[in-house]
Amino acid sequence: MTDESTRVVATNRKAYHDYEVVESIEAGIVLTGTEIKSIRAGKVNLRDGFAVIRDGEVWLLNVHIAPYTHGNRENHEPRRERKLLLHRREIERLFAKVQERGWTLAPLNMHLRRNRAKVELGLVRGKRQYDKRQAIARRDVQRDLDRTLKGGW
């Protein structure tokens, strides 16, 4: 995802803190006109979002895309369910994984690739409290190490 035609619009930092990301997959999103304009303006909140698989389709739930400021009465509902676009085999593989206990589909980030909105879904498993503390301690040690190597102390 490092090519020059990709721009990250929103990142779900809470997902990286609360979950262990095992695998990620990119999916397209079915949007209305005012939604894509709001996404281009960066008015997206992925914090409480998750995805479910219903009737062979993947749906993104609880993601807030703010109403477009220059929209009219045809503006979109901010937290509506949005269909995700994936290949059938990918959906079947994800469905088999999610059926196992403890697995969830969480949006990791939303980005624009060649002017198309995409969401990076992560197959995640919840972290225990001690795992979170270990991750915070590791990050602090790495920050201190980087600071001393840089000569900031």
Protein backbone atom coordinates (compact mmCIF):
# COMPACT_ATOMS: atom_id res chain seq x y z
CA MET A 1 0.00 0.00 0.00
CA THR A 2 2.94 2.32 -0.50
CA ASP A 3 2.29 3.40 -4.07
CA GLU A 4 1.81 7.09 -4.79
CA SER A 5 -1.87 6.79 -5.78
CA THR A 6 -2.99 5.79 -2.24
CA ARG A 7 -4.00 8.26 0.48
CA VAL A 8 -4.97 7.06 3.96
CA VAL A 9 -8.09 8.89 5.13
CA ALA A 10 -8.68 7.29 8.56
CA THR A 11 -6.92 4.77 10.79
CA ASN A 12 -8.48 2.70 13.55
CA ARG A 13 -5.81 2.97 16.25
CA LYS A 14 -8.14 1.42 18.82
CA ALA A 15 -8.25 -1.80 16.78
CA TYR A 16 -4.47 -2.13 16.93
CA HIS A 17 -4.60 -1.57 20.71
CA ASP A 18 -7.55 -3.84 21.55
CA TYR A 19 -6.96 -6.63 19.03
CA GLU A 20 -4.19 -8.79 17.68
CA VAL A 21 -4.29 -8.42 13.89
CA VAL A 22 -3.61 -11.77 12.24
CA GLU A 23 -4.48 -11.03 8.63
CA SER A 24 -5.71 -8.08 6.59
CA ILE A 25 -7.61 -7.80 3.34
CA GLU A 26 -8.60 -4.82 1.19
CA ALA A 27 -12.25 -4.37 0.22
CA GLY A 28 -14.18 -1.83 -1.82
CA ILE A 29 -17.21 -0.04 -0.36
CA VAL A 30 -20.61 0.71 -1.88
CA LEU A 31 -21.19 4.42 -1.20
CA THR A 32 -23.55 7.24 -2.13
CA GLY A 33 -22.39 10.51 -3.70
CA THR A 34 -22.26 12.56 -0.51
CA GLU A 35 -20.44 9.77 1.36
CA ILE A 36 -17.47 9.73 -0.99
CA LYS A 37 -17.24 13.53 -0.80
CA SER A 38 -17.19 13.34 2.98
CA ILE A 39 -14.54 10.58 2.88
CA ARG A 40 -12.34 12.69 0.59
CA ALA A 41 -12.64 15.46 3.18
CA GLY A 42 -11.42 13.01 5.85
CA LYS A 43 -14.62 13.00 7.94
CA VAL A 44 -14.51 9.29 8.88
CA ASN A 45 -14.47 7.58 12.28
CA LEU A 46 -13.66 3.85 12.31
CA ARG A 47 -13.33 3.51 16.09
CA ASP A 48 -16.37 1.34 16.92
CA GLY A 49 -16.74 -0.23 13.49
CA PHE A 50 -16.87 -3.93 12.67
CA ALA A 51 -17.91 -6.14 9.76
CA VAL A 52 -20.37 -9.03 9.62
CA ILE A 53 -21.08 -11.63 6.97
CA ARG A 54 -24.79 -12.06 6.15
CA ASP A 55 -26.20 -14.13 3.29
CA GLY A 56 -22.85 -14.34 1.54
CA GLU A 57 -22.26 -10.57 1.69
CA VAL A 58 -19.95 -8.56 3.94
CA TRP A 59 -21.44 -5.49 5.68
CA LEU A 60 -19.55 -2.72 7.45
CA LEU A 61 -21.42 -1.60 10.57
CA ASN A 62 -21.09 1.26 13.04
CA VAL A 63 -18.63 3.31 10.96
CA HIS A 64 -19.40 7.01 11.13
CA ILE A 65 -19.05 9.02 7.93
CA ALA A 66 -20.08 12.61 8.73
CA PRO A 67 -22.81 14.19 6.57
CA TYR A 68 -21.37 16.25 3.74
CA THR A 69 -21.37 19.91 4.73
CA HIS A 70 -22.52 21.15 1.30
CA GLY A 71 -25.09 18.38 0.93
CA ASN A 72 -28.82 18.92 0.64
CA ARG A 73 -31.78 16.91 1.91
CA GLU A 74 -30.44 13.90 -0.01
CA ASN A 75 -27.51 13.68 2.42
CA HIS A 76 -26.64 10.21 3.77
CA GLU A 77 -27.27 8.63 7.17
CA PRO A 78 -23.94 8.81 9.10
CA ARG A 79 -23.95 5.28 10.61
CA ARG A 80 -25.78 3.29 7.95
CA GLU A 81 -24.75 -0.24 6.99
CA ARG A 82 -22.43 -0.27 4.00
CA LYS A 83 -21.84 -3.23 1.72
CA LEU A 84 -18.22 -4.29 1.18
CA LEU A 85 -17.03 -5.65 -2.15
CA LEU A 86 -14.99 -8.86 -1.99
CA HIS A 87 -14.64 -11.92 -4.17
CA ARG A 88 -16.85 -14.86 -3.26
CA ARG A 89 -13.91 -17.10 -2.33
CA GLU A 90 -12.50 -14.43 -0.02
CA ILE A 91 -15.90 -14.08 1.67
CA GLU A 92 -16.17 -17.86 2.13
CA ARG A 93 -12.67 -18.06 3.59
CA LEU A 94 -13.34 -15.17 5.99
CA PHE A 95 -16.71 -16.68 6.96
CA ALA A 96 -15.01 -19.95 7.91
CA LYS A 97 -12.50 -18.07 10.08
CA VAL A 98 -15.12 -15.85 11.76
CA GLN A 99 -17.20 -18.93 12.67
CA GLU A 100 -14.36 -19.99 14.97
CA ARG A 101 -14.66 -18.61 18.47
CA GLY A 102 -12.93 -15.31 19.19
CA TRP A 103 -12.39 -14.02 15.63
CA THR A 104 -13.78 -10.68 14.44
CA LEU A 105 -13.58 -8.55 11.31
CA ALA A 106 -12.54 -5.00 12.19
CA PRO A 107 -11.76 -2.06 9.86
CA LEU A 108 -8.10 -1.11 10.24
CA ASN A 109 -8.01 1.87 7.91
CA MET A 110 -9.87 3.58 5.11
CA HIS A 111 -7.98 4.91 2.15
CA LEU A 112 -8.43 6.23 -1.37
CA ARG A 113 -6.75 4.25 -4.11
CA ARG A 114 -7.06 5.74 -7.58
CA ASN A 115 -10.03 7.83 -6.31
CA ARG A 116 -11.89 4.75 -5.06
CA ALA A 117 -12.61 4.36 -1.36
CA LYS A 118 -11.24 1.13 0.08
CA VAL A 119 -11.27 -0.26 3.60
CA GLU A 120 -8.61 -2.55 5.00
CA LEU A 121 -10.36 -5.24 7.03
CA GLY A 122 -8.42 -7.13 9.64
CA LEU A 123 -9.12 -10.61 10.90
CA VAL A 124 -8.54 -9.93 14.59
CA ARG A 125 -8.64 -11.66 17.95
CA GLY A 126 -9.16 -9.75 21.19
CA LYS A 127 -6.15 -9.07 23.40
CA ARG A 128 -6.14 -9.79 27.11
CA GLN A 129 -5.38 -6.95 29.53
CA TYR A 130 -1.86 -8.23 30.19
CA ASP A 131 -1.17 -8.39 26.44
CA LYS A 132 -2.08 -4.70 26.18
CA ARG A 133 0.25 -3.84 29.06
CA GLN A 134 3.07 -5.81 27.44
CA ALA A 135 2.52 -3.98 24.13
CA ILE A 136 2.61 -0.60 25.90
CA ALA A 137 5.80 -1.56 27.78
CA ARG A 138 7.45 -2.75 24.54
CA ARG A 139 6.51 0.51 22.81
CA ASP A 140 7.93 2.57 25.70
CA VAL A 141 11.20 0.63 25.67
CA GLN A 142 11.48 1.05 21.89
CA ARG A 143 10.80 4.79 22.21
CA ASP A 144 13.50 5.16 24.89
CA LEU A 145 15.94 3.14 22.80
CA ASP A 146 15.27 5.28 19.73
CA ARG A 147 15.66 8.43 21.79
CA THR A 148 19.05 7.35 23.23
CA LEU A 149 20.34 6.23 19.82
CA LYS A 150 19.30 9.57 18.37
CA GLY A 151 21.07 11.39 21.17
CA GLY A 152 18.02 13.00 22.70
CA TRP A 153 18.96 12.21 26.33
